[in-house]
Amino acid sequence: NGRSGKPKIEVIKNYGDLPLVECY
């Protein structure tokens, strides 16, 4: 959201159709 008066950072989410992933 911006620290010390800095502008907000935009976040773009390009999520694909992922399966459940086995991981730690």
mmCIF file of all heavy atoms, coordinates in Angstrom:
data_MODEL
# 
_entry.id   MODEL 
# 
loop_
_atom_site.group_PDB 
_atom_site.id 
_atom_site.type_symbol 
_atom_site.label_atom_id 
_atom_site.label_alt_id 
_atom_site.label_comp_id 
_atom_site.label_asym_id 
_atom_site.label_entity_id 
_atom_site.label_seq_id 
_atom_site.pdbx_PDB_ins_code 
_atom_site.Cartn_x 
_atom_site.Cartn_y 
_atom_site.Cartn_z 
_atom_site.occupancy 
_atom_site.B_iso_or_equiv 
_atom_site.pdbx_formal_charge 
_atom_site.auth_seq_id 
_atom_site.auth_comp_id 
_atom_site.auth_asym_id 
_atom_site.auth_atom_id 
_atom_site.pdbx_PDB_model_num 
ATOM 1   N N   . ASN A 1 1  ? 0.807  -1.213  0.000   1.00 0.00 ? 1  ASN A N   1 
ATOM 2   C CA  . ASN A 1 1  ? 0.000  0.000   0.000   1.00 0.00 ? 1  ASN A CA  1 
ATOM 3   C C   . ASN A 1 1  ? 0.843  1.267   0.000   1.00 0.00 ? 1  ASN A C   1 
ATOM 4   O O   . ASN A 1 1  ? 0.313  2.372   -0.088  1.00 0.00 ? 1  ASN A O   1 
ATOM 5   C CB  . ASN A 1 1  ? -0.944 0.013   1.204   1.00 0.00 ? 1  ASN A CB  1 
ATOM 6   C CG  . ASN A 1 1  ? -2.116 -0.929  1.009   1.00 0.00 ? 1  ASN A CG  1 
ATOM 7   O OD1 . ASN A 1 1  ? -2.451 -1.291  -0.108  1.00 0.00 ? 1  ASN A OD1 1 
ATOM 8   N ND2 . ASN A 1 1  ? -2.744 -1.344  2.096   1.00 0.00 ? 1  ASN A ND2 1 
ATOM 9   N N   . GLY A 1 2  ? 2.160  1.117   0.130   1.00 0.00 ? 2  GLY A N   1 
ATOM 10  C CA  . GLY A 1 2  ? 3.046  2.279   0.087   1.00 0.00 ? 2  GLY A CA  1 
ATOM 11  C C   . GLY A 1 2  ? 3.502  2.683   1.467   1.00 0.00 ? 2  GLY A C   1 
ATOM 12  O O   . GLY A 1 2  ? 2.683  2.920   2.359   1.00 0.00 ? 2  GLY A O   1 
ATOM 13  N N   . ARG A 1 3  ? 4.824  2.740   1.657   1.00 0.00 ? 3  ARG A N   1 
ATOM 14  C CA  . ARG A 1 3  ? 5.382  3.127   2.945   1.00 0.00 ? 3  ARG A CA  1 
ATOM 15  C C   . ARG A 1 3  ? 6.054  4.494   2.827   1.00 0.00 ? 3  ARG A C   1 
ATOM 16  O O   . ARG A 1 3  ? 6.610  4.837   1.799   1.00 0.00 ? 3  ARG A O   1 
ATOM 17  C CB  . ARG A 1 3  ? 6.419  2.098   3.414   1.00 0.00 ? 3  ARG A CB  1 
ATOM 18  C CG  . ARG A 1 3  ? 5.867  0.713   3.620   1.00 0.00 ? 3  ARG A CG  1 
ATOM 19  C CD  . ARG A 1 3  ? 6.940  -0.249  4.113   1.00 0.00 ? 3  ARG A CD  1 
ATOM 20  N NE  . ARG A 1 3  ? 7.953  -0.529  3.103   1.00 0.00 ? 3  ARG A NE  1 
ATOM 21  C CZ  . ARG A 1 3  ? 8.943  -1.388  3.257   1.00 0.00 ? 3  ARG A CZ  1 
ATOM 22  N NH1 . ARG A 1 3  ? 9.052  -2.048  4.398   1.00 0.00 ? 3  ARG A NH1 1 
ATOM 23  N NH2 . ARG A 1 3  ? 9.826  -1.609  2.295   1.00 0.00 ? 3  ARG A NH2 1 
ATOM 24  N N   . SER A 1 4  ? 5.990  5.257   3.917   1.00 0.00 ? 4  SER A N   1 
ATOM 25  C CA  . SER A 1 4  ? 6.676  6.557   3.993   1.00 0.00 ? 4  SER A CA  1 
ATOM 26  C C   . SER A 1 4  ? 6.333  7.458   2.812   1.00 0.00 ? 4  SER A C   1 
ATOM 27  O O   . SER A 1 4  ? 7.191  8.113   2.231   1.00 0.00 ? 4  SER A O   1 
ATOM 28  C CB  . SER A 1 4  ? 8.196  6.343   4.059   1.00 0.00 ? 4  SER A CB  1 
ATOM 29  O OG  . SER A 1 4  ? 8.553  5.515   5.146   1.00 0.00 ? 4  SER A OG  1 
ATOM 30  N N   . GLY A 1 5  ? 5.047  7.474   2.462   1.00 0.00 ? 5  GLY A N   1 
ATOM 31  C CA  . GLY A 1 5  ? 4.599  8.356   1.390   1.00 0.00 ? 5  GLY A CA  1 
ATOM 32  C C   . GLY A 1 5  ? 4.837  7.832   -0.007  1.00 0.00 ? 5  GLY A C   1 
ATOM 33  O O   . GLY A 1 5  ? 4.549  8.532   -0.993  1.00 0.00 ? 5  GLY A O   1 
ATOM 34  N N   . LYS A 1 6  ? 5.372  6.614   -0.136  1.00 0.00 ? 6  LYS A N   1 
ATOM 35  C CA  . LYS A 1 6  ? 5.610  6.049   -1.472  1.00 0.00 ? 6  LYS A CA  1 
ATOM 36  C C   . LYS A 1 6  ? 4.286  5.629   -2.113  1.00 0.00 ? 6  LYS A C   1 
ATOM 37  O O   . LYS A 1 6  ? 3.331  5.289   -1.415  1.00 0.00 ? 6  LYS A O   1 
ATOM 38  C CB  . LYS A 1 6  ? 6.549  4.846   -1.387  1.00 0.00 ? 6  LYS A CB  1 
ATOM 39  C CG  . LYS A 1 6  ? 7.989  5.195   -1.026  1.00 0.00 ? 6  LYS A CG  1 
ATOM 40  C CD  . LYS A 1 6  ? 8.864  3.954   -1.047  1.00 0.00 ? 6  LYS A CD  1 
ATOM 41  C CE  . LYS A 1 6  ? 10.340 4.313   -0.870  1.00 0.00 ? 6  LYS A CE  1 
ATOM 42  N NZ  . LYS A 1 6  ? 10.614 4.907   0.450   1.00 0.00 ? 6  LYS A NZ  1 
ATOM 43  N N   . PRO A 1 7  ? 4.217  5.633   -3.448  1.00 0.00 ? 7  PRO A N   1 
ATOM 44  C CA  . PRO A 1 7  ? 2.979  5.225   -4.124  1.00 0.00 ? 7  PRO A CA  1 
ATOM 45  C C   . PRO A 1 7  ? 2.660  3.747   -3.881  1.00 0.00 ? 7  PRO A C   1 
ATOM 46  O O   . PRO A 1 7  ? 3.541  2.944   -3.584  1.00 0.00 ? 7  PRO A O   1 
ATOM 47  C CB  . PRO A 1 7  ? 3.284  5.473   -5.608  1.00 0.00 ? 7  PRO A CB  1 
ATOM 48  C CG  . PRO A 1 7  ? 4.463  6.395   -5.623  1.00 0.00 ? 7  PRO A CG  1 
ATOM 49  C CD  . PRO A 1 7  ? 5.250  6.095   -4.394  1.00 0.00 ? 7  PRO A CD  1 
ATOM 50  N N   . LYS A 1 8  ? 1.403  3.430   -4.039  1.00 0.00 ? 8  LYS A N   1 
ATOM 51  C CA  . LYS A 1 8  ? 0.945  2.050   -3.909  1.00 0.00 ? 8  LYS A CA  1 
ATOM 52  C C   . LYS A 1 8  ? 1.514  1.196   -5.037  1.00 0.00 ? 8  LYS A C   1 
ATOM 53  O O   . LYS A 1 8  ? 1.695  1.665   -6.161  1.00 0.00 ? 8  LYS A O   1 
ATOM 54  C CB  . LYS A 1 8  ? -0.586 2.019   -3.937  1.00 0.00 ? 8  LYS A CB  1 
ATOM 55  C CG  . LYS A 1 8  ? -1.197 0.640   -3.784  1.00 0.00 ? 8  LYS A CG  1 
ATOM 56  C CD  . LYS A 1 8  ? -2.715 0.726   -3.781  1.00 0.00 ? 8  LYS A CD  1 
ATOM 57  C CE  . LYS A 1 8  ? -3.350 -0.649  -3.655  1.00 0.00 ? 8  LYS A CE  1 
ATOM 58  N NZ  . LYS A 1 8  ? -4.829 -0.596  -3.654  1.00 0.00 ? 8  LYS A NZ  1 
ATOM 59  N N   . ILE A 1 9  ? 1.811  -0.060  -4.713  1.00 0.00 ? 9  ILE A N   1 
ATOM 60  C CA  . ILE A 1 9  ? 2.295  -1.013  -5.711  1.00 0.00 ? 9  ILE A CA  1 
ATOM 61  C C   . ILE A 1 9  ? 1.121  -1.872  -6.178  1.00 0.00 ? 9  ILE A C   1 
ATOM 62  O O   . ILE A 1 9  ? 0.425  -2.478  -5.357  1.00 0.00 ? 9  ILE A O   1 
ATOM 63  C CB  . ILE A 1 9  ? 3.413  -1.901  -5.138  1.00 0.00 ? 9  ILE A CB  1 
ATOM 64  C CG1 . ILE A 1 9  ? 4.619  -1.042  -4.740  1.00 0.00 ? 9  ILE A CG1 1 
ATOM 65  C CG2 . ILE A 1 9  ? 3.834  -2.969  -6.140  1.00 0.00 ? 9  ILE A CG2 1 
ATOM 66  C CD1 . ILE A 1 9  ? 5.710  -1.813  -4.012  1.00 0.00 ? 9  ILE A CD1 1 
ATOM 67  N N   . GLU A 1 10 ? 0.912  -1.911  -7.467  1.00 0.00 ? 10 GLU A N   1 
ATOM 68  C CA  . GLU A 1 10 ? -0.187 -2.713  -8.023  1.00 0.00 ? 10 GLU A CA  1 
ATOM 69  C C   . GLU A 1 10 ? 0.231  -4.182  -8.107  1.00 0.00 ? 10 GLU A C   1 
ATOM 70  O O   . GLU A 1 10 ? 1.370  -4.494  -8.462  1.00 0.00 ? 10 GLU A O   1 
ATOM 71  C CB  . GLU A 1 10 ? -0.557 -2.206  -9.414  1.00 0.00 ? 10 GLU A CB  1 
ATOM 72  C CG  . GLU A 1 10 ? -1.710 -2.958  -10.055 1.00 0.00 ? 10 GLU A CG  1 
ATOM 73  C CD  . GLU A 1 10 ? -2.025 -2.488  -11.466 1.00 0.00 ? 10 GLU A CD  1 
ATOM 74  O OE1 . GLU A 1 10 ? -1.324 -1.581  -11.960 1.00 0.00 ? 10 GLU A OE1 1 
ATOM 75  O OE2 . GLU A 1 10 ? -2.962 -3.034  -12.074 1.00 0.00 ? 10 GLU A OE2 1 
ATOM 76  N N   . VAL A 1 11 ? -0.687 -5.070  -7.764  1.00 0.00 ? 11 VAL A N   1 
ATOM 77  C CA  . VAL A 1 11 ? -0.446 -6.509  -7.868  1.00 0.00 ? 11 VAL A CA  1 
ATOM 78  C C   . VAL A 1 11 ? -1.427 -7.099  -8.877  1.00 0.00 ? 11 VAL A C   1 
ATOM 79  O O   . VAL A 1 11 ? -2.642 -6.926  -8.753  1.00 0.00 ? 11 VAL A O   1 
ATOM 80  C CB  . VAL A 1 11 ? -0.610 -7.218  -6.506  1.00 0.00 ? 11 VAL A CB  1 
ATOM 81  C CG1 . VAL A 1 11 ? -0.453 -8.732  -6.674  1.00 0.00 ? 11 VAL A CG1 1 
ATOM 82  C CG2 . VAL A 1 11 ? 0.415  -6.698  -5.505  1.00 0.00 ? 11 VAL A CG2 1 
ATOM 83  N N   . ILE A 1 12 ? -0.886 -7.780  -9.877  1.00 0.00 ? 12 ILE A N   1 
ATOM 84  C CA  . ILE A 1 12 ? -1.705 -8.452  -10.891 1.00 0.00 ? 12 ILE A CA  1 
ATOM 85  C C   . ILE A 1 12 ? -1.542 -9.955  -10.699 1.00 0.00 ? 12 ILE A C   1 
ATOM 86  O O   . ILE A 1 12 ? -0.423 -10.469 -10.651 1.00 0.00 ? 12 ILE A O   1 
ATOM 87  C CB  . ILE A 1 12 ? -1.270 -8.049  -12.312 1.00 0.00 ? 12 ILE A CB  1 
ATOM 88  C CG1 . ILE A 1 12 ? -1.445 -6.539  -12.517 1.00 0.00 ? 12 ILE A CG1 1 
ATOM 89  C CG2 . ILE A 1 12 ? -2.059 -8.829  -13.364 1.00 0.00 ? 12 ILE A CG2 1 
ATOM 90  C CD1 . ILE A 1 12 ? -0.893 -6.038  -13.843 1.00 0.00 ? 12 ILE A CD1 1 
ATOM 91  N N   . LYS A 1 13 ? -2.655 -10.658 -10.585 1.00 0.00 ? 13 LYS A N   1 
ATOM 92  C CA  . LYS A 1 13 ? -2.624 -12.111 -10.381 1.00 0.00 ? 13 LYS A CA  1 
ATOM 93  C C   . LYS A 1 13 ? -3.157 -12.813 -11.627 1.00 0.00 ? 13 LYS A C   1 
ATOM 94  O O   . LYS A 1 13 ? -4.343 -12.725 -11.942 1.00 0.00 ? 13 LYS A O   1 
ATOM 95  C CB  . LYS A 1 13 ? -3.452 -12.484 -9.147  1.00 0.00 ? 13 LYS A CB  1 
ATOM 96  C CG  . LYS A 1 13 ? -2.870 -11.958 -7.854  1.00 0.00 ? 13 LYS A CG  1 
ATOM 97  C CD  . LYS A 1 13 ? -3.590 -12.482 -6.620  1.00 0.00 ? 13 LYS A CD  1 
ATOM 98  C CE  . LYS A 1 13 ? -4.891 -11.790 -6.393  1.00 0.00 ? 13 LYS A CE  1 
ATOM 99  N NZ  . LYS A 1 13 ? -5.498 -12.133 -5.077  1.00 0.00 ? 13 LYS A NZ  1 
ATOM 100 N N   . ASN A 1 14 ? -2.248 -13.484 -12.320 1.00 0.00 ? 14 ASN A N   1 
ATOM 101 C CA  . ASN A 1 14 ? -2.630 -14.306 -13.477 1.00 0.00 ? 14 ASN A CA  1 
ATOM 102 C C   . ASN A 1 14 ? -2.576 -15.772 -13.055 1.00 0.00 ? 14 ASN A C   1 
ATOM 103 O O   . ASN A 1 14 ? -1.623 -16.487 -13.359 1.00 0.00 ? 14 ASN A O   1 
ATOM 104 C CB  . ASN A 1 14 ? -1.678 -14.050 -14.658 1.00 0.00 ? 14 ASN A CB  1 
ATOM 105 C CG  . ASN A 1 14 ? -1.780 -12.640 -15.191 1.00 0.00 ? 14 ASN A CG  1 
ATOM 106 O OD1 . ASN A 1 14 ? -2.842 -12.036 -15.182 1.00 0.00 ? 14 ASN A OD1 1 
ATOM 107 N ND2 . ASN A 1 14 ? -0.662 -12.094 -15.657 1.00 0.00 ? 14 ASN A ND2 1 
ATOM 108 N N   . TYR A 1 15 ? -3.586 -16.198 -12.344 1.00 0.00 ? 15 TYR A N   1 
ATOM 109 C CA  . TYR A 1 15 ? -3.604 -17.551 -11.811 1.00 0.00 ? 15 TYR A CA  1 
ATOM 110 C C   . TYR A 1 15 ? -4.174 -18.521 -12.839 1.00 0.00 ? 15 TYR A C   1 
ATOM 111 O O   . TYR A 1 15 ? -5.262 -18.294 -13.382 1.00 0.00 ? 15 TYR A O   1 
ATOM 112 C CB  . TYR A 1 15 ? -4.455 -17.629 -10.542 1.00 0.00 ? 15 TYR A CB  1 
ATOM 113 C CG  . TYR A 1 15 ? -3.829 -16.975 -9.324  1.00 0.00 ? 15 TYR A CG  1 
ATOM 114 C CD1 . TYR A 1 15 ? -4.554 -16.845 -8.136  1.00 0.00 ? 15 TYR A CD1 1 
ATOM 115 C CD2 . TYR A 1 15 ? -2.520 -16.497 -9.337  1.00 0.00 ? 15 TYR A CD2 1 
ATOM 116 C CE1 . TYR A 1 15 ? -3.992 -16.272 -7.012  1.00 0.00 ? 15 TYR A CE1 1 
ATOM 117 C CE2 . TYR A 1 15 ? -1.957 -15.919 -8.221  1.00 0.00 ? 15 TYR A CE2 1 
ATOM 118 C CZ  . TYR A 1 15 ? -2.692 -15.802 -7.055  1.00 0.00 ? 15 TYR A CZ  1 
ATOM 119 O OH  . TYR A 1 15 ? -2.130 -15.228 -5.942  1.00 0.00 ? 15 TYR A OH  1 
ATOM 120 N N   . GLY A 1 16 ? -3.421 -19.579 -13.095 1.00 0.00 ? 16 GLY A N   1 
ATOM 121 C CA  . GLY A 1 16 ? -3.925 -20.638 -13.956 1.00 0.00 ? 16 GLY A CA  1 
ATOM 122 C C   . GLY A 1 16 ? -4.731 -21.654 -13.168 1.00 0.00 ? 16 GLY A C   1 
ATOM 123 O O   . GLY A 1 16 ? -4.918 -21.540 -11.950 1.00 0.00 ? 16 GLY A O   1 
ATOM 124 N N   . ASP A 1 17 ? -5.206 -22.656 -13.851 1.00 0.00 ? 17 ASP A N   1 
ATOM 125 C CA  . ASP A 1 17 ? -6.027 -23.699 -13.218 1.00 0.00 ? 17 ASP A CA  1 
ATOM 126 C C   . ASP A 1 17 ? -5.097 -24.772 -12.652 1.00 0.00 ? 17 ASP A C   1 
ATOM 127 O O   . ASP A 1 17 ? -4.915 -25.840 -13.242 1.00 0.00 ? 17 ASP A O   1 
ATOM 128 C CB  . ASP A 1 17 ? -6.988 -24.290 -14.253 1.00 0.00 ? 17 ASP A CB  1 
ATOM 129 C CG  . ASP A 1 17 ? -7.974 -25.263 -13.615 1.00 0.00 ? 17 ASP A CG  1 
ATOM 130 O OD1 . ASP A 1 17 ? -8.099 -25.247 -12.372 1.00 0.00 ? 17 ASP A OD1 1 
ATOM 131 O OD2 . ASP A 1 17 ? -8.592 -26.046 -14.358 1.00 0.00 ? 17 ASP A OD2 1 
ATOM 132 N N   . LEU A 1 18 ? -4.512 -24.468 -11.490 1.00 0.00 ? 18 LEU A N   1 
ATOM 133 C CA  . LEU A 1 18 ? -3.537 -25.378 -10.905 1.00 0.00 ? 18 LEU A CA  1 
ATOM 134 C C   . LEU A 1 18 ? -4.218 -26.523 -10.164 1.00 0.00 ? 18 LEU A C   1 
ATOM 135 O O   . LEU A 1 18 ? -5.230 -26.322 -9.487  1.00 0.00 ? 18 LEU A O   1 
ATOM 136 C CB  . LEU A 1 18 ? -2.634 -24.640 -9.902  1.00 0.00 ? 18 LEU A CB  1 
ATOM 137 C CG  . LEU A 1 18 ? -1.631 -23.617 -10.420 1.00 0.00 ? 18 LEU A CG  1 
ATOM 138 C CD1 . LEU A 1 18 ? -0.710 -23.197 -9.292  1.00 0.00 ? 18 LEU A CD1 1 
ATOM 139 C CD2 . LEU A 1 18 ? -0.837 -24.159 -11.590 1.00 0.00 ? 18 LEU A CD2 1 
ATOM 140 N N   . PRO A 1 19 ? -3.638 -27.697 -10.229 1.00 0.00 ? 19 PRO A N   1 
ATOM 141 C CA  . PRO A 1 19 ? -4.084 -28.786 -9.354  1.00 0.00 ? 19 PRO A CA  1 
ATOM 142 C C   . PRO A 1 19 ? -3.506 -28.559 -7.963  1.00 0.00 ? 19 PRO A C   1 
ATOM 143 O O   . PRO A 1 19 ? -2.684 -27.668 -7.749  1.00 0.00 ? 19 PRO A O   1 
ATOM 144 C CB  . PRO A 1 19 ? -3.467 -30.020 -10.005 1.00 0.00 ? 19 PRO A CB  1 
ATOM 145 C CG  . PRO A 1 19 ? -2.198 -29.496 -10.618 1.00 0.00 ? 19 PRO A CG  1 
ATOM 146 C CD  . PRO A 1 19 ? -2.525 -28.109 -11.097 1.00 0.00 ? 19 PRO A CD  1 
ATOM 147 N N   . LEU A 1 20 ? -3.948 -29.356 -7.005  1.00 0.00 ? 20 LEU A N   1 
ATOM 148 C CA  . LEU A 1 20 ? -3.272 -29.339 -5.701  1.00 0.00 ? 20 LEU A CA  1 
ATOM 149 C C   . LEU A 1 20 ? -1.843 -29.831 -5.907  1.00 0.00 ? 20 LEU A C   1 
ATOM 150 O O   . LEU A 1 20 ? -1.612 -30.808 -6.615  1.00 0.00 ? 20 LEU A O   1 
ATOM 151 C CB  . LEU A 1 20 ? -4.007 -30.233 -4.701  1.00 0.00 ? 20 LEU A CB  1 
ATOM 152 C CG  . LEU A 1 20 ? -5.418 -29.778 -4.307  1.00 0.00 ? 20 LEU A CG  1 
ATOM 153 C CD1 . LEU A 1 20 ? -6.034 -30.769 -3.311  1.00 0.00 ? 20 LEU A CD1 1 
ATOM 154 C CD2 . LEU A 1 20 ? -5.415 -28.374 -3.732  1.00 0.00 ? 20 LEU A CD2 1 
ATOM 155 N N   . VAL A 1 21 ? -0.898 -29.144 -5.296  1.00 0.00 ? 21 VAL A N   1 
ATOM 156 C CA  . VAL A 1 21 ? 0.512  -29.451 -5.498  1.00 0.00 ? 21 VAL A CA  1 
ATOM 157 C C   . VAL A 1 21 ? 1.099  -30.038 -4.222  1.00 0.00 ? 21 VAL A C   1 
ATOM 158 O O   . VAL A 1 21 ? 0.952  -29.461 -3.144  1.00 0.00 ? 21 VAL A O   1 
ATOM 159 C CB  . VAL A 1 21 ? 1.293  -28.175 -5.892  1.00 0.00 ? 21 VAL A CB  1 
ATOM 160 C CG1 . VAL A 1 21 ? 2.784  -28.485 -6.035  1.00 0.00 ? 21 VAL A CG1 1 
ATOM 161 C CG2 . VAL A 1 21 ? 0.738  -27.598 -7.181  1.00 0.00 ? 21 VAL A CG2 1 
ATOM 162 N N   . GLU A 1 22 ? 1.756  -31.188 -4.353  1.00 0.00 ? 22 GLU A N   1 
ATOM 163 C CA  . GLU A 1 22 ? 2.408  -31.790 -3.193  1.00 0.00 ? 22 GLU A CA  1 
ATOM 164 C C   . GLU A 1 22 ? 3.705  -31.043 -2.905  1.00 0.00 ? 22 GLU A C   1 
ATOM 165 O O   . GLU A 1 22 ? 4.588  -30.952 -3.759  1.00 0.00 ? 22 GLU A O   1 
ATOM 166 C CB  . GLU A 1 22 ? 2.693  -33.272 -3.455  1.00 0.00 ? 22 GLU A CB  1 
ATOM 167 C CG  . GLU A 1 22 ? 1.442  -34.132 -3.449  1.00 0.00 ? 22 GLU A CG  1 
ATOM 168 C CD  . GLU A 1 22 ? 1.742  -35.562 -3.006  1.00 0.00 ? 22 GLU A CD  1 
ATOM 169 O OE1 . GLU A 1 22 ? 2.275  -35.726 -1.891  1.00 0.00 ? 22 GLU A OE1 1 
ATOM 170 O OE2 . GLU A 1 22 ? 1.466  -36.463 -3.782  1.00 0.00 ? 22 GLU A OE2 1 
ATOM 171 N N   . CYS A 1 23 ? 3.802  -30.498 -1.692  1.00 0.00 ? 23 CYS A N   1 
ATOM 172 C CA  . CYS A 1 23 ? 4.974  -29.709 -1.343  1.00 0.00 ? 23 CYS A CA  1 
ATOM 173 C C   . CYS A 1 23 ? 5.081  -29.578 0.166   1.00 0.00 ? 23 CYS A C   1 
ATOM 174 O O   . CYS A 1 23 ? 4.175  -29.946 0.909   1.00 0.00 ? 23 CYS A O   1 
ATOM 175 C CB  . CYS A 1 23 ? 4.879  -28.312 -1.984  1.00 0.00 ? 23 CYS A CB  1 
ATOM 176 S SG  . CYS A 1 23 ? 3.425  -27.386 -1.460  1.00 0.00 ? 23 CYS A SG  1 
ATOM 177 N N   . TYR A 1 24 ? 6.217  -29.061 0.607   1.00 0.00 ? 24 TYR A N   1 
ATOM 178 C CA  . TYR A 1 24 ? 6.390  -28.649 2.003   1.00 0.00 ? 24 TYR A CA  1 
ATOM 179 C C   . TYR A 1 24 ? 5.968  -27.184 2.059   1.00 0.00 ? 24 TYR A C   1 
ATOM 180 O O   . TYR A 1 24 ? 6.782  -26.278 1.871   1.00 0.00 ? 24 TYR A O   1 
ATOM 181 C CB  . TYR A 1 24 ? 7.843  -28.825 2.436   1.00 0.00 ? 24 TYR A CB  1 
ATOM 182 C CG  . TYR A 1 24 ? 8.325  -30.247 2.418   1.00 0.00 ? 24 TYR A CG  1 
ATOM 183 C CD1 . TYR A 1 24 ? 9.111  -30.724 1.371   1.00 0.00 ? 24 TYR A CD1 1 
ATOM 184 C CD2 . TYR A 1 24 ? 7.983  -31.142 3.445   1.00 0.00 ? 24 TYR A CD2 1 
ATOM 185 C CE1 . TYR A 1 24 ? 9.566  -32.040 1.353   1.00 0.00 ? 24 TYR A CE1 1 
ATOM 186 C CE2 . TYR A 1 24 ? 8.429  -32.456 3.431   1.00 0.00 ? 24 TYR A CE2 1 
ATOM 187 C CZ  . TYR A 1 24 ? 9.217  -32.897 2.380   1.00 0.00 ? 24 TYR A CZ  1 
ATOM 188 O OH  . TYR A 1 24 ? 9.653  -34.197 2.363   1.00 0.00 ? 24 TYR A OH  1 
# 
